[in-house]
Protein backbone atom coordinates (compact mmCIF):
# COMPACT_ATOMS: atom_id res chain seq x y z
CA MET A 1 0.00 0.00 0.00
CA THR A 2 1.40 3.41 -1.01
CA GLU A 3 1.93 5.84 1.87
CA LYS A 4 0.01 9.10 1.53
CA VAL A 5 1.97 12.29 0.88
CA TYR A 6 1.05 15.53 2.66
CA ASP A 7 2.06 19.13 1.98
CA PRO A 8 4.20 20.45 4.89
CA LYS A 9 3.03 24.03 4.22
CA ALA A 10 -0.62 23.01 4.54
CA ILE A 11 0.14 21.15 7.77
CA ARG A 12 1.98 24.17 9.18
CA LYS A 13 -0.98 26.37 8.31
CA GLN A 14 -3.33 23.95 10.06
CA ILE A 15 -1.13 23.99 13.16
CA PHE A 16 -0.98 27.80 13.29
CA LEU A 17 -4.74 28.07 12.79
CA LEU A 18 -5.06 25.91 15.91
CA ILE A 19 -2.46 27.58 18.13
CA ILE A 20 -3.21 31.25 17.39
CA PRO A 21 -6.70 31.21 19.02
CA VAL A 22 -5.25 29.34 22.03
CA MET A 23 -2.52 31.95 22.31
CA LEU A 24 -5.04 34.81 22.10
CA GLU A 25 -7.26 33.07 24.65
CA ASN A 26 -4.35 32.78 27.07
CA ILE A 27 -3.37 36.42 26.53
CA PHE A 28 -6.91 37.51 27.34
CA GLN A 29 -7.15 35.25 30.38
CA VAL A 30 -3.82 36.50 31.74
CA SER A 31 -4.88 40.11 31.12
CA ALA A 32 -8.24 39.56 32.84
CA GLY A 33 -6.46 37.74 35.66
CA LEU A 34 -4.13 40.70 36.16
CA VAL A 35 -7.13 43.08 36.32
CA SER A 36 -8.91 40.82 38.84
CA ALA A 37 -5.72 40.54 40.89
CA ALA A 38 -5.34 44.33 40.82
CA MET A 39 -8.90 44.78 42.12
CA ILE A 40 -8.40 42.29 44.94
CA GLY A 41 -4.94 43.77 45.53
CA ARG A 42 -6.60 47.01 46.64
CA LEU A 43 -8.34 45.26 49.52
CA SER A 44 -6.78 44.68 52.95
CA PRO A 45 -3.66 42.45 53.23
CA MET A 46 -5.72 39.93 55.21
CA LEU A 47 -8.28 39.57 52.41
CA ILE A 48 -5.54 39.33 49.80
CA SER A 49 -3.95 36.49 51.80
CA ALA A 50 -7.35 34.78 52.11
CA GLN A 51 -7.81 34.85 48.35
CA GLY A 52 -4.28 33.55 47.82
CA ILE A 53 -4.77 30.64 50.23
CA CYS A 54 -8.04 29.71 48.54
CA SER A 55 -6.30 29.74 45.15
CA ARG A 56 -3.76 27.21 46.43
CA ILE A 57 -6.56 24.94 47.69
CA THR A 58 -8.74 25.12 44.58
CA GLY A 59 -5.73 25.00 42.24
CA VAL A 60 -5.24 21.31 43.03
CA LEU A 61 -8.89 20.58 42.21
CA TRP A 62 -8.82 22.58 38.97
CA CYS A 63 -5.85 20.45 37.86
CA LEU A 64 -8.05 17.39 38.14
CA PHE A 65 -10.72 18.90 35.90
CA LYS A 66 -8.17 20.02 33.33
CA GLY A 67 -6.68 16.53 33.32
CA ILE A 68 -10.07 14.94 32.69
CA GLY A 69 -10.46 17.45 29.85
CA VAL A 70 -7.20 16.19 28.34
CA GLY A 71 -8.55 12.64 28.52
CA ALA A 72 -11.74 13.72 26.76
CA THR A 73 -9.69 15.56 24.10
CA VAL A 74 -7.70 12.43 23.25
CA VAL A 75 -10.76 10.16 23.09
CA ILE A 76 -12.87 12.62 21.08
CA ALA A 77 -10.01 13.31 18.65
CA LYS A 78 -9.57 9.58 18.04
CA ASN A 79 -13.34 9.20 17.53
CA ARG A 80 -13.25 12.06 15.04
CA GLY A 81 -10.35 10.38 13.25
CA GLU A 82 -12.54 7.28 12.99
CA SER A 83 -15.43 9.48 11.71
CA ASP A 84 -17.53 8.50 14.73
CA MET A 85 -19.05 11.80 15.86
CA ALA A 86 -21.83 10.01 17.72
CA LYS A 87 -19.22 8.54 20.03
CA SER A 88 -17.57 11.97 20.32
CA LYS A 89 -20.87 13.38 21.52
CA LYS A 90 -21.29 10.51 23.96
CA THR A 91 -17.75 11.06 25.22
CA PHE A 92 -18.58 14.71 25.98
CA GLU A 93 -21.78 13.72 27.80
CA GLN A 94 -20.07 10.99 29.82
CA THR A 95 -17.29 13.43 30.75
CA CYS A 96 -19.84 15.99 31.96
CA LEU A 97 -21.94 13.44 33.84
CA THR A 98 -19.11 11.75 35.71
CA GLY A 99 -17.18 15.00 36.14
CA CYS A 100 -20.15 16.76 37.73
CA LEU A 101 -20.76 13.81 40.07
CA LEU A 102 -17.07 13.95 41.04
CA SER A 103 -17.20 17.72 41.55
CA VAL A 104 -20.24 17.42 43.84
CA LEU A 105 -18.31 14.87 45.92
CA LEU A 106 -15.31 17.20 46.09
CA ILE A 107 -17.54 20.12 47.13
CA PHE A 108 -18.87 18.03 50.00
CA VAL A 109 -15.37 16.95 51.11
CA VAL A 110 -13.96 20.49 50.97
CA LEU A 111 -16.91 22.02 52.85
CA ILE A 112 -16.81 19.57 55.74
CA SER A 113 -13.02 19.74 56.07
CA SER A 114 -12.43 23.39 55.13
CA ASP A 115 -11.27 24.46 58.62
CA SER A 116 -8.65 21.71 58.77
CA ILE A 117 -7.42 22.49 55.25
CA ILE A 118 -7.22 26.26 55.83
CA SER A 119 -5.45 25.85 59.19
CA PHE A 120 -2.52 24.24 57.34
CA PHE A 121 -1.83 27.63 55.72
CA THR A 122 -2.59 30.07 58.53
CA SER A 123 -3.33 30.31 62.24
CA SER A 124 -4.93 33.76 62.05
CA SER A 125 -8.61 33.51 63.01
CA ASP A 126 -9.56 36.50 60.84
CA THR A 127 -7.76 35.10 57.79
CA MET A 128 -9.23 31.64 58.39
CA HIS A 129 -12.74 33.09 58.57
CA ALA A 130 -12.33 35.19 55.41
CA THR A 131 -10.79 32.25 53.52
CA GLY A 132 -13.60 29.94 54.60
CA GLU A 133 -16.32 32.37 53.48
CA TYR A 134 -14.60 32.89 50.12
CA LEU A 135 -13.95 29.17 49.65
CA LYS A 136 -17.61 28.22 50.28
CA ILE A 137 -18.64 30.21 47.21
CA VAL A 138 -15.66 29.55 44.92
CA ILE A 139 -15.84 25.78 45.40
CA MET A 140 -19.37 25.89 43.92
CA THR A 141 -17.82 26.73 40.54
CA SER A 142 -16.52 23.13 40.32
CA PRO A 143 -19.34 21.63 38.18
CA PHE A 144 -19.23 24.60 35.80
CA LEU A 145 -15.45 24.37 35.44
CA MET A 146 -15.80 20.66 34.70
CA ILE A 147 -18.40 21.34 31.99
CA MET A 148 -16.25 24.10 30.47
CA SER A 149 -13.27 21.74 30.43
CA ALA A 150 -15.34 19.15 28.55
CA VAL A 151 -16.68 21.79 26.14
CA THR A 152 -13.15 23.00 25.39
CA ALA A 153 -12.01 19.40 24.87
CA SER A 154 -14.82 18.77 22.36
CA PHE A 155 -14.07 21.81 20.23
CA GLN A 156 -10.28 21.49 20.35
CA ALA A 157 -10.38 17.77 19.57
CA CYS A 158 -12.36 18.63 16.42
CA GLY A 159 -9.81 21.25 15.37
CA ASN A 160 -11.81 24.27 16.56
CA THR A 161 -9.82 26.39 19.00
CA ARG A 162 -11.62 29.65 18.15
CA THR A 163 -14.89 28.84 19.94
CA PRO A 164 -13.19 28.10 23.32
CA MET A 165 -11.38 31.42 22.86
CA TYR A 166 -14.70 33.27 22.40
CA ILE A 167 -16.16 31.52 25.46
CA ALA A 168 -13.11 32.47 27.54
CA ILE A 169 -13.41 36.10 26.44
CA VAL A 170 -17.09 36.22 27.48
CA VAL A 171 -16.36 34.52 30.82
CA ASN A 172 -13.52 36.89 31.67
CA ILE A 173 -15.45 40.02 30.68
CA ILE A 174 -18.34 38.98 32.93
CA ASN A 175 -15.92 38.20 35.77
CA VAL A 176 -14.08 41.53 35.52
CA VAL A 177 -17.23 43.69 35.15
CA LEU A 178 -19.17 41.93 37.90
CA GLY A 179 -16.06 41.87 40.07
CA TYR A 180 -15.71 45.65 39.78
CA LEU A 181 -19.39 46.19 40.61
CA LEU A 182 -19.56 43.77 43.55
CA ILE A 183 -16.10 44.23 45.10
CA TYR A 184 -16.41 48.02 45.30
CA GLY A 185 -20.22 48.44 45.31
CA LYS A 186 -20.45 50.58 42.19
CA PHE A 187 -23.66 51.82 40.45
CA GLY A 188 -25.96 50.77 43.26
CA PHE A 189 -24.57 47.26 43.70
CA PRO A 190 -23.72 46.13 47.26
CA ASN A 191 -20.11 46.51 48.43
CA LEU A 192 -19.25 42.86 49.09
CA SER A 193 -15.43 43.12 49.02
CA LEU A 194 -13.82 39.65 48.67
CA ILE A 195 -17.21 37.90 48.66
CA GLY A 196 -18.08 40.01 45.62
CA ALA A 197 -15.04 38.57 43.82
CA ALA A 198 -16.21 35.04 44.65
CA ILE A 199 -19.77 35.69 43.44
CA SER A 200 -18.58 37.25 40.17
CA LEU A 201 -16.33 34.23 39.57
CA LEU A 202 -19.22 31.81 40.22
CA ILE A 203 -21.63 33.66 37.92
CA SER A 204 -19.08 34.02 35.11
CA GLN A 205 -18.19 30.29 35.19
CA ALA A 206 -21.89 29.33 35.19
CA CYS A 207 -22.46 31.58 32.15
CA GLY A 208 -19.44 30.01 30.42
CA ALA A 209 -20.74 26.48 30.99
CA MET A 210 -24.23 27.33 29.68
CA LEU A 211 -22.80 29.16 26.65
CA GLY A 212 -20.54 26.19 25.87
CA ILE A 213 -23.43 23.71 25.96
CA TYR A 214 -25.51 26.00 23.77
CA LEU A 215 -22.72 26.25 21.17
CA LEU A 216 -22.40 22.46 21.09
CA TYR A 217 -26.11 21.68 20.78
CA ASN A 218 -27.85 24.65 19.12
CA ARG A 219 -29.79 23.50 16.06
CA ARG A 220 -28.32 26.03 13.66
CA ASN A 221 -24.61 25.13 13.72
CA GLY A 222 -23.87 23.27 16.95
CA LEU A 223 -21.09 20.69 16.80
CA PHE A 224 -23.46 17.94 18.02
CA SER A 225 -26.72 19.40 16.69
CA THR A 226 -27.22 16.86 13.87
CA ILE A 227 -26.17 13.80 15.86
CA LEU A 228 -29.01 11.67 17.16
CA SER A 229 -28.35 9.47 20.16
CA LYS A 230 -30.47 6.62 21.51
CA ASP A 231 -28.39 6.32 24.68
CA ASN A 232 -29.73 7.55 28.01
CA PHE A 233 -27.65 10.60 28.99
CA LEU A 234 -27.85 9.67 32.69
CA ARG A 235 -26.60 6.11 32.18
CA ILE A 236 -22.87 5.74 32.82
CA ASP A 237 -20.92 3.83 30.14
CA LEU A 238 -18.14 2.28 32.21
CA ASP A 239 -16.01 1.28 29.21
CA LEU A 240 -16.06 4.79 27.75
CA VAL A 241 -15.50 6.40 31.15
CA LYS A 242 -12.49 4.13 31.64
CA GLN A 243 -11.04 5.34 28.31
CA ILE A 244 -11.48 8.99 29.31
CA TYR A 245 -10.14 8.70 32.83
CA SER A 246 -7.28 6.34 32.00
CA VAL A 247 -5.81 9.27 30.04
CA GLY A 248 -7.27 12.10 32.12
CA VAL A 249 -6.19 11.02 35.61
CA PRO A 250 -2.48 10.68 34.75
CA ALA A 251 -2.65 14.04 32.95
CA ALA A 252 -4.29 15.55 36.05
CA PHE A 253 -1.60 14.17 38.33
CA GLU A 254 1.08 15.83 36.19
CA ASN A 255 -0.40 19.19 37.15
CA VAL A 256 -1.16 18.13 40.73
CA PHE A 257 2.50 17.24 41.20
CA TRP A 258 3.41 20.72 40.04
CA GLN A 259 0.81 22.38 42.31
CA LEU A 260 2.03 20.48 45.38
CA SER A 261 5.66 21.20 44.56
CA ALA A 262 4.77 24.89 44.10
CA ILE A 263 3.73 25.01 47.75
CA ILE A 264 7.06 23.56 48.85
CA MET A 265 9.08 25.70 46.43
CA SER A 266 7.22 28.78 47.65
CA LYS A 267 8.18 27.97 51.22
CA ILE A 268 11.82 27.45 50.14
CA ILE A 269 11.94 30.74 48.22
CA LEU A 270 10.26 32.58 51.10
CA SER A 271 13.23 31.59 53.26
CA TYR A 272 15.29 33.99 51.13
CA GLY A 273 12.93 36.85 52.06
CA GLU A 274 9.70 38.43 50.87
CA VAL A 275 11.48 40.54 48.25
CA THR A 276 12.89 37.41 46.60
CA PHE A 277 9.50 35.71 46.72
CA ALA A 278 7.85 38.77 45.17
CA ALA A 279 10.45 38.74 42.38
CA TYR A 280 9.76 35.05 41.78
CA GLN A 281 5.98 35.61 41.57
CA LEU A 282 6.39 38.46 39.10
CA GLY A 283 8.98 36.50 37.13
CA LEU A 284 6.49 33.65 36.79
CA GLN A 285 3.94 36.06 35.34
CA ALA A 286 6.49 37.39 32.87
CA GLU A 287 7.53 33.86 31.87
CA LEU A 288 3.87 32.89 31.42
CA MET A 289 3.45 35.64 28.82
CA SER A 290 6.29 34.18 26.75
CA GLU A 291 4.94 30.60 27.04
CA MET A 292 1.55 31.29 25.48
CA PRO A 293 2.43 30.21 21.91
CA ALA A 294 4.09 27.04 23.20
CA VAL A 295 0.98 26.12 25.20
CA GLY A 296 -0.99 26.28 21.96
CA VAL A 297 1.48 23.94 20.26
CA GLY A 298 1.12 21.47 23.15
CA ILE A 299 -2.67 21.46 22.80
CA ALA A 300 -2.34 21.03 19.03
CA ALA A 301 0.00 18.07 19.58
CA THR A 302 -2.55 16.23 21.72
CA SER A 303 -5.46 16.92 19.36
CA LEU A 304 -3.79 16.40 15.97
CA THR A 305 -1.77 13.30 16.81
CA ALA A 306 -4.79 11.63 18.45
CA ASN A 307 -6.83 12.42 15.34
CA ALA A 308 -4.18 10.90 13.06
CA ILE A 309 -3.97 7.81 15.27
CA GLY A 310 -7.76 7.48 15.09
CA LYS A 311 -7.49 7.56 11.29
CA LYS A 312 -4.69 4.98 11.47
CA ASP A 313 -2.76 7.27 9.13
CA SER A 314 0.95 6.84 9.91
CA ALA A 315 2.02 9.30 7.21
CA LEU A 316 -0.18 12.04 8.66
CA LEU A 317 1.01 11.25 12.20
CA LYS A 318 4.63 11.42 11.05
CA ILE A 319 4.30 14.84 9.42
CA TYR A 320 2.19 16.17 12.32
CA SER A 321 4.90 15.14 14.79
CA LYS A 322 7.71 16.58 12.68
CA GLN A 323 5.96 19.91 12.07
CA LEU A 324 4.85 20.26 15.69
CA ILE A 325 8.39 19.68 16.95
CA THR A 326 9.81 22.13 14.40
CA THR A 327 7.18 24.76 15.23
CA SER A 328 7.71 24.37 18.97
CA MET A 329 11.47 24.75 18.65
CA ALA A 330 11.20 27.80 16.37
CA ILE A 331 8.74 29.60 18.68
CA SER A 332 10.73 28.62 21.77
CA MET A 333 14.04 29.86 20.35
CA PHE A 334 12.47 33.22 19.54
CA SER A 335 10.96 33.61 23.03
CA SER A 336 14.21 32.36 24.57
CA LEU A 337 16.27 35.03 22.81
CA PHE A 338 13.76 37.73 23.72
CA ILE A 339 13.77 36.78 27.42
CA ILE A 340 17.56 36.51 27.61
CA LEU A 341 18.24 39.78 25.75
CA PHE A 342 15.42 41.90 27.19
CA PRO A 343 14.45 40.59 30.65
CA GLY A 344 14.22 44.16 31.96
CA ILE A 345 11.32 44.91 29.59
CA PHE A 346 9.27 42.14 31.18
CA MET A 347 10.10 43.15 34.75
CA ASP A 348 9.48 46.86 34.07
CA PHE A 349 5.91 45.92 33.16
CA PHE A 350 5.31 44.39 36.59
CA THR A 351 7.36 46.45 39.05
CA ASN A 352 9.32 49.66 39.60
CA ASN A 353 11.11 48.27 42.67
CA PRO A 354 14.82 48.03 41.66
CA GLU A 355 15.60 45.21 44.13
CA ILE A 356 12.69 43.06 43.00
CA LYS A 357 13.50 43.84 39.38
CA ALA A 358 17.16 42.76 39.74
CA ILE A 359 16.24 39.38 41.25
CA GLY A 360 13.46 38.88 38.69
CA ILE A 361 15.84 39.59 35.81
CA ASN A 362 18.20 36.86 37.01
CA TYR A 363 15.29 34.44 37.21
CA LEU A 364 14.15 35.26 33.67
CA ILE A 365 17.63 34.90 32.19
CA VAL A 366 17.92 31.38 33.63
CA MET A 367 14.41 30.49 32.43
CA GLY A 368 15.22 31.94 29.00
CA PHE A 369 17.85 29.27 28.45
CA ILE A 370 15.41 26.42 29.04
CA GLN A 371 12.46 27.59 26.91
CA VAL A 372 13.25 25.06 24.15
CA PRO A 373 13.38 21.91 26.35
CA GLN A 374 10.49 23.10 28.51
CA ASN A 375 8.16 23.68 25.56
CA LEU A 376 9.39 20.74 23.50
CA SER A 377 8.38 18.47 26.39
CA LYS A 378 4.75 19.56 25.90
CA VAL A 379 4.78 18.39 22.28
CA LEU A 380 6.58 15.11 22.96
CA ASN A 381 4.36 14.25 25.92
CA GLY A 382 1.21 15.19 24.00
CA THR A 383 2.20 12.77 21.23
CA ILE A 384 3.23 10.02 23.67
CA ARG A 385 -0.08 10.39 25.56
CA SER A 386 -2.17 10.29 22.38
CA ALA A 387 -0.36 7.14 21.26
CA GLY A 388 -1.69 5.30 24.32
CA TYR A 389 1.25 5.67 26.71
CA LYS A 390 -0.89 7.69 29.09
CA ASN A 391 1.10 7.09 32.30
CA ILE A 392 4.54 7.95 30.90
CA PRO A 393 4.19 11.79 30.98
CA MET A 394 2.89 11.56 34.56
CA ILE A 395 5.86 9.42 35.63
CA ILE A 396 8.31 11.79 33.93
CA SER A 397 6.70 14.75 35.71
CA PHE A 398 6.84 12.98 39.07
CA ILE A 399 10.52 12.07 38.71
CA GLY A 400 11.51 15.52 37.50
CA ILE A 401 9.73 17.35 40.31
CA TRP A 402 10.18 15.01 43.28
CA VAL A 403 13.53 13.39 42.45
CA VAL A 404 15.28 16.38 40.85
CA ARG A 405 13.70 19.79 41.54
CA VAL A 406 12.50 19.60 45.15
CA PRO A 407 15.41 17.55 46.62
CA LEU A 408 18.02 19.77 44.94
CA ALA A 409 16.23 22.92 46.13
CA LEU A 410 16.11 21.61 49.71
CA LEU A 411 19.80 20.63 49.53
CA PHE A 412 20.93 23.97 48.10
CA THR A 413 18.82 26.00 50.54
CA TYR A 414 18.99 24.28 53.92
CA VAL A 415 22.21 22.24 53.72
CA LEU A 416 24.59 24.11 51.41
CA LYS A 417 22.91 27.52 52.01
CA LEU A 418 23.60 28.69 48.46
CA ASP A 419 22.38 31.84 46.73
CA ILE A 420 18.86 32.04 45.22
CA ILE A 421 20.31 31.68 41.72
CA PHE A 422 20.89 27.99 42.50
CA ILE A 423 17.16 27.55 43.14
CA TRP A 424 16.49 28.95 39.67
CA LEU A 425 19.06 26.43 38.37
CA CYS A 426 17.17 23.59 40.11
CA MET A 427 14.10 24.49 38.10
CA ALA A 428 16.14 24.63 34.89
CA ILE A 429 17.78 21.26 35.56
CA ASP A 430 14.34 19.73 36.18
CA GLN A 431 13.02 20.99 32.81
CA VAL A 432 16.08 19.80 30.86
CA PHE A 433 15.92 16.41 32.59
CA LYS A 434 12.23 15.92 31.76
CA CYS A 435 12.74 16.92 28.13
CA ALA A 436 15.67 14.51 27.76
CA ILE A 437 13.64 11.61 29.20
CA SER A 438 10.63 12.46 26.99
CA ALA A 439 12.88 12.61 23.91
CA VAL A 440 14.44 9.23 24.67
CA ILE A 441 11.03 7.60 25.21
CA PHE A 442 9.65 9.24 22.07
CA LYS A 443 12.58 7.84 20.07
CA VAL A 444 12.32 4.37 21.62
CA LYS A 445 8.56 4.22 21.05
CA LYS A 446 8.81 5.85 17.62
CA ALA A 447 7.95 2.65 15.81
CA ASP A 448 4.69 2.46 17.75
CA VAL A 449 3.96 6.19 17.84
CA ILE A 450 4.78 7.03 14.21
């Protein structure tokens, strides 16, 4: 049988049409996040701390929902490759059904154990009370976040990254406008302070979930509008759920590992002083801005390679993999050079404190050198995951974080008492290590993957 031949230029165009909306979506979300943070940042230090603690708690849960979304993306993309849109629709519905049941369980667990969880972060009664009140509302966004994750998975798996971008824009506009009205009590609205921020977040996520479902099912041009299903929506298909979660849970744990390590790394960096920690936080924001294109390539890798595997088209999978790797490296080298040569531009955007800026510049320079391996890992792991090796990226993430990054950081800080620059190097070593392992596995499994 003759292998199909594909035009590399057409494939590159397809990839860019996928990653550009993701990049724009991330830019808007980061911008809206900065505005929301600025509004909360004008409240009292105690309320700011309460919001920060709640973000650490819910961040672990959101990782789970995002991971399940990755599982749904892989399964739906494979179904699409097999031209089975009925199963794609069923995959979305099973993801929503089981995800919402899981989120209700998590809401119950968090509510009954909130005091114990919050007390791990603070002993201040005022902060504990404010965090608890905020958490009770924010945790209610869980089912809506799960639905939005499944909606995003459905569109992205079918090659449509624009619609999730539009949904994200609507959600963030609602959150920012309502946040302004309810946090400060403008135009006759009650002044609810931090509780206003929680309510605006809840309402915006609920609107996003409803809008996403409408765009999937509306009769005019909904993705699933023409697909008839005889299956009972409320009946759980254990085989299909197993497919989704066997990919989604390992993907979730990749992010959970990072969230848990972030708590430890934050404590380590705080030992160098609040100025250093502030520089690290701002440096992360600056680095995030440069990573946006690479995040889009990672999403494209998961969706496109799974689609090619579903089609059982090795030629298409081969050119997808090659073009995704080339695109990731080209984008990463550009962002790497920009960060290394102009770190001050990034830090000037976030702070005018010269001490914070100096530390942040050192952080960015180190991170600039590892943009290529860090972003290439996303492409390699997306391809490996789509090919059925769902646990491998999770294992690589675990080893990198808990065998390399955290132990080295603890050693350099508390035993050798080295300068903060060595903590930045720990992070760089971790990223290089994970990329090297992913590259080796990709090459070893190449016969199966491509």
